[in-house]
PDB file of N, CA and C in Angstrom:
ATOM      1  N   GLU A   1       5.725 -10.151   7.879  1.00  0.00           N
ATOM      2  CA  GLU A   1       4.903  -9.790   7.142  1.00  0.00           C
ATOM      3  C   GLU A   1       5.431  -8.924   5.941  1.00  0.00           C
ATOM      4  N   THR A   2       5.295  -8.877   4.639  1.00  0.00           N
ATOM      5  CA  THR A   2       5.455  -8.260   3.640  1.00  0.00           C
ATOM      6  C   THR A   2       5.231  -6.824   4.029  1.00  0.00           C
ATOM      7  N   LEU A   3       3.871  -6.510   4.194  1.00  0.00           N
ATOM      8  CA  LEU A   3       3.427  -4.888   4.640  1.00  0.00           C
ATOM      9  C   LEU A   3       4.231  -4.468   5.486  1.00  0.00           C
ATOM     10  N   ALA A   4       4.178  -5.181   6.559  1.00  0.00           N
ATOM     11  CA  ALA A   4       4.509  -4.713   7.832  1.00  0.00           C
ATOM     12  C   ALA A   4       6.217  -3.994   7.608  1.00  0.00           C
ATOM     13  N   ARG A   5       7.072  -4.908   6.961  1.00  0.00           N
ATOM     14  CA  ARG A   5       8.516  -4.880   6.273  1.00  0.00           C
ATOM     15  C   ARG A   5       8.522  -3.440   5.851  1.00  0.00           C
ATOM     16  N   LEU A   6       7.645  -3.563   4.486  1.00  0.00           N
ATOM     17  CA  LEU A   6       8.116  -2.339   3.441  1.00  0.00           C
ATOM     18  C   LEU A   6       7.318  -1.210   4.213  1.00  0.00           C
ATOM     19  N   GLY A   7       6.565  -0.965   5.243  1.00  0.00           N
ATOM     20  CA  GLY A   7       5.868  -0.248   5.733  1.00  0.00           C
ATOM     21  C   GLY A   7       7.099   0.667   6.876  1.00  0.00           C
ATOM     22  N   GLU A   8       7.934  -0.015   6.867  1.00  0.00           N
ATOM     23  CA  GLU A   8       9.135   0.432   7.860  1.00  0.00           C
ATOM     24  C   GLU A   8      10.127   1.288   6.643  1.00  0.00           C
ATOM     25  N   LYS A   9      10.230   0.438   5.835  1.00  0.00           N
ATOM     26  CA  LYS A   9      10.730   0.990   5.099  1.00  0.00           C
ATOM     27  C   LYS A   9      10.552   2.300   4.212  1.00  0.00           C
ATOM     28  N   TYR A  10       9.325   2.489   4.305  1.00  0.00           N
ATOM     29  CA  TYR A  10       8.699   3.890   3.717  1.00  0.00           C
ATOM     30  C   TYR A  10       8.318   4.707   4.508  1.00  0.00           C
ATOM     31  N   GLY A  11       8.529   4.091   5.789  1.00  0.00           N
ATOM     32  CA  GLY A  11       7.887   4.826   6.719  1.00  0.00           C
ATOM     33  C   GLY A  11       6.025   5.571   6.784  1.00  0.00           C
ATOM     34  N   VAL A  12       5.459   4.679   6.527  1.00  0.00           N
ATOM     35  CA  VAL A  12       4.060   4.072   6.870  1.00  0.00           C
ATOM     36  C   VAL A  12       3.228   2.947   7.108  1.00  0.00           C
ATOM     37  N   THR A  13       2.680   2.897   7.766  1.00  0.00           N
ATOM     38  CA  THR A  13       1.771   1.350   8.522  1.00  0.00           C
ATOM     39  C   THR A  13       1.323   0.285   7.168  1.00  0.00           C
ATOM     40  N   SER A  14       1.063  -0.726   7.776  1.00  0.00           N
ATOM     41  CA  SER A  14       0.362  -1.883   6.912  1.00  0.00           C
ATOM     42  C   SER A  14      -0.666  -1.179   5.936  1.00  0.00           C
ATOM     43  N   THR A  15      -1.330  -0.481   6.657  1.00  0.00           N
ATOM     44  CA  THR A  15      -2.760   0.174   6.242  1.00  0.00           C
ATOM     45  C   THR A  15      -1.742   0.861   4.882  1.00  0.00           C
ATOM     46  N   GLY A  16      -0.888   1.878   4.983  1.00  0.00           N
ATOM     47  CA  GLY A  16      -0.518   2.412   4.141  1.00  0.00           C
ATOM     48  C   GLY A  16       0.236   1.758   2.939  1.00  0.00           C
ATOM     49  N   MET A  17       0.586   0.935   3.477  1.00  0.00           N
ATOM     50  CA  MET A  17       1.340   0.231   2.139  1.00  0.00           C
ATOM     51  C   MET A  17       0.500  -0.482   1.278  1.00  0.00           C
ATOM     52  N   ALA A  18      -0.896  -1.037   2.124  1.00  0.00           N
ATOM     53  CA  ALA A  18      -1.685  -1.583   1.084  1.00  0.00           C
ATOM     54  C   ALA A  18      -2.411  -0.339   0.317  1.00  0.00           C
ATOM     55  N   ILE A  19      -2.676   0.753   0.537  1.00  0.00           N
ATOM     56  CA  ILE A  19      -3.324   1.644   0.097  1.00  0.00           C
ATOM     57  C   ILE A  19      -2.290   2.191  -0.983  1.00  0.00           C
ATOM     58  N   ALA A  20      -1.051   2.769  -0.918  1.00  0.00           N
ATOM     59  CA  ALA A  20      -0.229   2.671  -1.955  1.00  0.00           C
ATOM     60  C   ALA A  20       0.223   1.739  -2.507  1.00  0.00           C
ATOM     61  N   TRP A  21      -0.095   0.440  -2.375  1.00  0.00           N
ATOM     62  CA  TRP A  21       0.022  -0.497  -3.248  1.00  0.00           C
ATOM     63  C   TRP A  21      -1.353  -0.436  -4.789  1.00  0.00           C
ATOM     64  N   ILE A  22      -2.543  -0.019  -3.889  1.00  0.00           N
ATOM     65  CA  ILE A  22      -3.423   0.253  -4.754  1.00  0.00           C
ATOM     66  C   ILE A  22      -3.463   1.221  -5.436  1.00  0.00           C
ATOM     67  N   LEU A  23      -2.757   2.346  -5.451  1.00  0.00           N
ATOM     68  CA  LEU A  23      -2.740   3.734  -6.075  1.00  0.00           C
ATOM     69  C   LEU A  23      -1.993   3.390  -7.264  1.00  0.00           C
ATOM     70  N   ARG A  24      -0.805   2.318  -6.817  1.00  0.00           N
ATOM     71  CA  ARG A  24      -0.031   2.509  -7.671  1.00  0.00           C
ATOM     72  C   ARG A  24      -0.638   1.408  -8.803  1.00  0.00           C
ATOM     73  N   LEU A  25      -1.790   0.552  -8.979  1.00  0.00           N
ATOM     74  CA  LEU A  25      -2.150  -0.568  -9.934  1.00  0.00           C
ATOM     75  C   LEU A  25      -2.448   0.271 -11.125  1.00  0.00           C
ATOM     76  N   PRO A  26      -1.963  -0.482 -12.269  1.00  0.00           N
ATOM     77  CA  PRO A  26      -2.004  -0.066 -13.584  1.00  0.00           C
ATOM     78  C   PRO A  26      -3.348   0.677 -14.141  1.00  0.00           C
ATOM     79  N   GLU A  27      -4.281  -0.051 -13.450  1.00  0.00           N
ATOM     80  CA  GLU A  27      -6.027   0.432 -13.759  1.00  0.00           C
ATOM     81  C   GLU A  27      -6.416   1.836 -13.199  1.00  0.00           C
ATOM     82  N   LYS A  28      -5.791   2.351 -12.473  1.00  0.00           N
ATOM     83  CA  LYS A  28      -5.909   3.721 -11.974  1.00  0.00           C
ATOM     84  C   LYS A  28      -6.868   3.773 -10.858  1.00  0.00           C
ATOM     85  N   MET A  29      -6.722   2.876  -9.854  1.00  0.00           N
ATOM     86  CA  MET A  29      -8.132   2.499  -9.172  1.00  0.00           C
ATOM     87  C   MET A  29      -7.989   3.692  -8.005  1.00  0.00           C
ATOM     88  N   GLN A  30      -8.682   4.250  -7.676  1.00  0.00           N
ATOM     89  CA  GLN A  30      -9.060   4.763  -6.441  1.00  0.00           C
ATOM     90  C   GLN A  30      -9.570   4.324  -5.299  1.00  0.00           C
ATOM     91  N   PRO A  31      -9.271   4.318  -4.474  1.00  0.00           N
ATOM     92  CA  PRO A  31      -9.606   3.246  -2.683  1.00  0.00           C
ATOM     93  C   PRO A  31     -10.425   4.413  -2.376  1.00  0.00           C
ATOM     94  N   ILE A  32     -11.773   3.527  -1.627  1.00  0.00           N
ATOM     95  CA  ILE A  32     -12.399   4.274  -1.060  1.00  0.00           C
ATOM     96  C   ILE A  32     -12.780   3.470   0.599  1.00  0.00           C
ATOM     97  N   VAL A  33     -12.139   4.557   1.337  1.00  0.00           N
ATOM     98  CA  VAL A  33     -12.171   4.091   2.640  1.00  0.00           C
ATOM     99  C   VAL A  33     -13.577   4.505   3.245  1.00  0.00           C
ATOM    100  N   GLY A  34     -13.821   3.438   4.199  1.00  0.00           N
ATOM    101  CA  GLY A  34     -15.070   3.388   4.855  1.00  0.00           C
ATOM    102  C   GLY A  34     -14.775   4.055   6.967  1.00  0.00           C
ATOM    103  N   THR A  35     -14.114   4.643   7.128  1.00  0.00           N
ATOM    104  CA  THR A  35     -13.550   5.093   8.673  1.00  0.00           C
ATOM    105  C   THR A  35     -13.603   6.466   8.937  1.00  0.00           C
ATOM    106  N   THR A  36     -14.182   6.551  10.021  1.00  0.00           N
ATOM    107  CA  THR A  36     -14.152   8.097  10.710  1.00  0.00           C
ATOM    108  C   THR A  36     -12.980   8.132  11.412  1.00  0.00           C
ATOM    109  N   ASN A  37     -12.288   7.168  11.899  1.00  0.00           N
ATOM    110  CA  ASN A  37     -11.413   6.822  12.518  1.00  0.00           C
ATOM    111  C   ASN A  37      -9.829   8.003  12.259  1.00  0.00           C
ATOM    112  N   ARG A  38     -10.048   8.908  13.098  1.00  0.00           N
ATOM    113  CA  ARG A  38      -8.555   9.747  12.556  1.00  0.00           C
ATOM    114  C   ARG A  38      -6.775   9.299  12.522  1.00  0.00           C
ATOM    115  N   GLU A  39      -6.771   8.497  13.206  1.00  0.00           N
ATOM    116  CA  GLU A  39      -5.453   7.772  13.145  1.00  0.00           C
ATOM    117  C   GLU A  39      -5.758   6.664  11.855  1.00  0.00           C
ATOM    118  N   ARG A  40      -6.708   6.173  11.853  1.00  0.00           N
ATOM    119  CA  ARG A  40      -6.357   5.317  10.375  1.00  0.00           C
ATOM    120  C   ARG A  40      -6.676   6.119   9.292  1.00  0.00           C
ATOM    121  N   LEU A  41      -7.371   7.399   9.173  1.00  0.00           N
ATOM    122  CA  LEU A  41      -7.410   8.087   7.921  1.00  0.00           C
ATOM    123  C   LEU A  41      -6.188   9.285   7.715  1.00  0.00           C
ATOM    124  N   LYS A  42      -5.467   9.097   8.714  1.00  0.00           N
ATOM    125  CA  LYS A  42      -3.718   9.563   8.433  1.00  0.00           C
ATOM    126  C   LYS A  42      -2.966   8.463   7.983  1.00  0.00           C
ATOM    127  N   GLU A  43      -2.966   7.165   8.573  1.00  0.00           N
ATOM    128  CA  GLU A  43      -2.495   6.300   7.737  1.00  0.00           C
ATOM    129  C   GLU A  43      -2.878   6.039   6.202  1.00  0.00           C
ATOM    130  N   ILE A  44      -3.848   6.664   5.899  1.00  0.00           N
ATOM    131  CA  ILE A  44      -4.508   6.007   4.249  1.00  0.00           C
ATOM    132  C   ILE A  44      -3.908   7.465   3.960  1.00  0.00           C
ATOM    133  N   ALA A  45      -3.973   8.244   4.658  1.00  0.00           N
ATOM    134  CA  ALA A  45      -3.552   9.840   3.454  1.00  0.00           C
ATOM    135  C   ALA A  45      -2.044   9.705   3.447  1.00  0.00           C
ATOM    136  N   ALA A  46      -1.208   9.219   4.454  1.00  0.00           N
ATOM    137  CA  ALA A  46      -0.005   9.018   4.059  1.00  0.00           C
ATOM    138  C   ALA A  46       0.792   8.240   3.138  1.00  0.00           C
ATOM    139  N   ALA A  47      -0.408   7.231   2.929  1.00  0.00           N
ATOM    140  CA  ALA A  47      -0.078   6.059   1.466  1.00  0.00           C
ATOM    141  C   ALA A  47      -0.008   7.110   0.303  1.00  0.00           C
ATOM    142  N   ALA A  48      -0.409   8.504  -0.049  1.00  0.00           N
ATOM    143  CA  ALA A  48      -0.503   9.408  -1.079  1.00  0.00           C
ATOM    144  C   ALA A  48       0.674   9.934  -1.461  1.00  0.00           C
ATOM    145  N   ASP A  49       1.790   9.834  -0.552  1.00  0.00           N
ATOM    146  CA  ASP A  49       3.383  10.577  -0.519  1.00  0.00           C
ATOM    147  C   ASP A  49       4.443   9.373  -0.526  1.00  0.00           C
ATOM    148  N   VAL A  50       3.728   8.129  -0.510  1.00  0.00           N
ATOM    149  CA  VAL A  50       4.679   6.732  -1.141  1.00  0.00           C
ATOM    150  C   VAL A  50       5.102   6.508  -2.384  1.00  0.00           C
ATOM    151  N   THR A  51       6.084   6.536  -3.041  1.00  0.00           N
ATOM    152  CA  THR A  51       6.273   6.168  -4.451  1.00  0.00           C
ATOM    153  C   THR A  51       7.420   4.719  -4.308  1.00  0.00           C
ATOM    154  N   LEU A  52       6.349   3.427  -4.441  1.00  0.00           N
ATOM    155  CA  LEU A  52       6.891   2.212  -4.283  1.00  0.00           C
ATOM    156  C   LEU A  52       7.871   2.137  -5.971  1.00  0.00           C
ATOM    157  N   SER A  53       8.675   1.522  -5.586  1.00  0.00           N
ATOM    158  CA  SER A  53       9.335   0.857  -6.494  1.00  0.00           C
ATOM    159  C   SER A  53       8.917  -0.247  -6.979  1.00  0.00           C
ATOM    160  N   ALA A  54       9.293  -0.376  -8.372  1.00  0.00           N
ATOM    161  CA  ALA A  54       8.454  -1.691  -8.926  1.00  0.00           C
ATOM    162  C   ALA A  54       8.980  -2.926  -8.503  1.00  0.00           C
ATOM    163  N   LYS A  55      10.241  -3.091  -7.793  1.00  0.00           N
ATOM    164  CA  LYS A  55      10.457  -4.424  -7.036  1.00  0.00           C
ATOM    165  C   LYS A  55       9.603  -4.242  -5.681  1.00  0.00           C
ATOM    166  N   ASP A  56       9.662  -3.021  -5.056  1.00  0.00           N
ATOM    167  CA  ASP A  56       8.488  -3.541  -3.937  1.00  0.00           C
ATOM    168  C   ASP A  56       7.291  -3.752  -4.251  1.00  0.00           C
ATOM    169  N   TRP A  57       6.878  -3.257  -5.379  1.00  0.00           N
ATOM    170  CA  TRP A  57       5.050  -3.243  -5.599  1.00  0.00           C
ATOM    171  C   TRP A  57       5.032  -4.800  -6.234  1.00  0.00           C
ATOM    172  N   TYR A  58       5.712  -5.147  -6.818  1.00  0.00           N
ATOM    173  CA  TYR A  58       5.591  -6.663  -7.216  1.00  0.00           C
ATOM    174  C   TYR A  58       5.698  -7.594  -5.809  1.00  0.00           C
ATOM    175  N   GLU A  59       6.925  -7.561  -4.907  1.00  0.00           N
ATOM    176  CA  GLU A  59       6.536  -8.223  -3.956  1.00  0.00           C
ATOM    177  C   GLU A  59       5.740  -8.439  -3.066  1.00  0.00           C
ATOM    178  N   ILE A  60       4.913  -7.360  -2.696  1.00  0.00           N
ATOM    179  CA  ILE A  60       3.724  -6.786  -2.470  1.00  0.00           C
ATOM    180  C   ILE A  60       2.370  -7.932  -3.091  1.00  0.00           C
ATOM    181  N   TYR A  61       2.612  -7.931  -4.447  1.00  0.00           N
ATOM    182  CA  TYR A  61       1.844  -8.670  -5.529  1.00  0.00           C
ATOM    183  C   TYR A  61       1.811 -10.546  -5.436  1.00  0.00           C
ATOM    184  N   CYS A  62       3.071 -10.584  -5.459  1.00  0.00           N
ATOM    185  CA  CYS A  62       3.485 -11.892  -4.741  1.00  0.00           C
ATOM    186  C   CYS A  62       3.455 -12.138  -3.660  1.00  0.00           C
ATOM    187  N   ALA A  63       3.115 -11.494  -2.742  1.00  0.00           N
ATOM    188  CA  ALA A  63       2.756 -11.724  -1.204  1.00  0.00           C
ATOM    189  C   ALA A  63       1.531 -12.270  -0.811  1.00  0.00           C
ATOM    190  N   ALA A  64       0.678 -11.417  -2.365  1.00  0.00           N
ATOM    191  CA  ALA A  64      -0.857 -11.651  -1.773  1.00  0.00           C
ATOM    192  C   ALA A  64      -1.587 -13.081  -2.841  1.00  0.00           C
ATOM    193  N   GLY A  65      -0.168 -13.848  -3.286  1.00  0.00           N
ATOM    194  CA  GLY A  65      -0.861 -14.928  -3.914  1.00  0.00           C
ATOM    195  C   GLY A  65      -0.724 -15.111  -5.613  1.00  0.00           C
ATOM    196  N   TYR A  66      -0.312 -13.737  -6.045  1.00  0.00           N
ATOM    197  CA  TYR A  66      -0.402 -13.701  -7.369  1.00  0.00           C
ATOM    198  C   TYR A  66       0.707 -14.511  -7.960  1.00  0.00           C
ATOM    199  N   GLU A  67       0.968 -14.468  -9.089  1.00  0.00           N
ATOM    200  CA  GLU A  67       2.046 -15.414  -9.541  1.00  0.00           C
ATOM    201  C   GLU A  67       2.371 -14.316 -10.991  1.00  0.00           C
ATOM    202  N   LEU A  68       3.591 -14.021 -10.900  1.00  0.00           N
ATOM    203  CA  LEU A  68       4.048 -13.248 -12.041  1.00  0.00           C
ATOM    204  C   LEU A  68       3.780 -13.716 -13.464  1.00  0.00           C
ATOM    205  N   PRO A  69       3.889 -12.703 -14.239  1.00  0.00           N
ATOM    206  CA  PRO A  69       3.267 -13.768 -15.365  1.00  0.00           C
ATOM    207  C   PRO A  69       4.365 -13.968 -16.884  1.00  0.00           C
TER     208      PRO A  69
END
């Protein structure tokens, strides 16, 4: 799975990678989380420290089923 593999590369979980991807969307979206689980919150917070390369961002984009324009 792309998120898991890239998560290992960046030192975060798949959840952290998903949030890091959202944080880098051009629309400047802000994720809203609905958890009180401390471990999950730590995973999500770690995403703020991830700086995805453009190549990795597009890899996640394509893995989600989108095509490059």
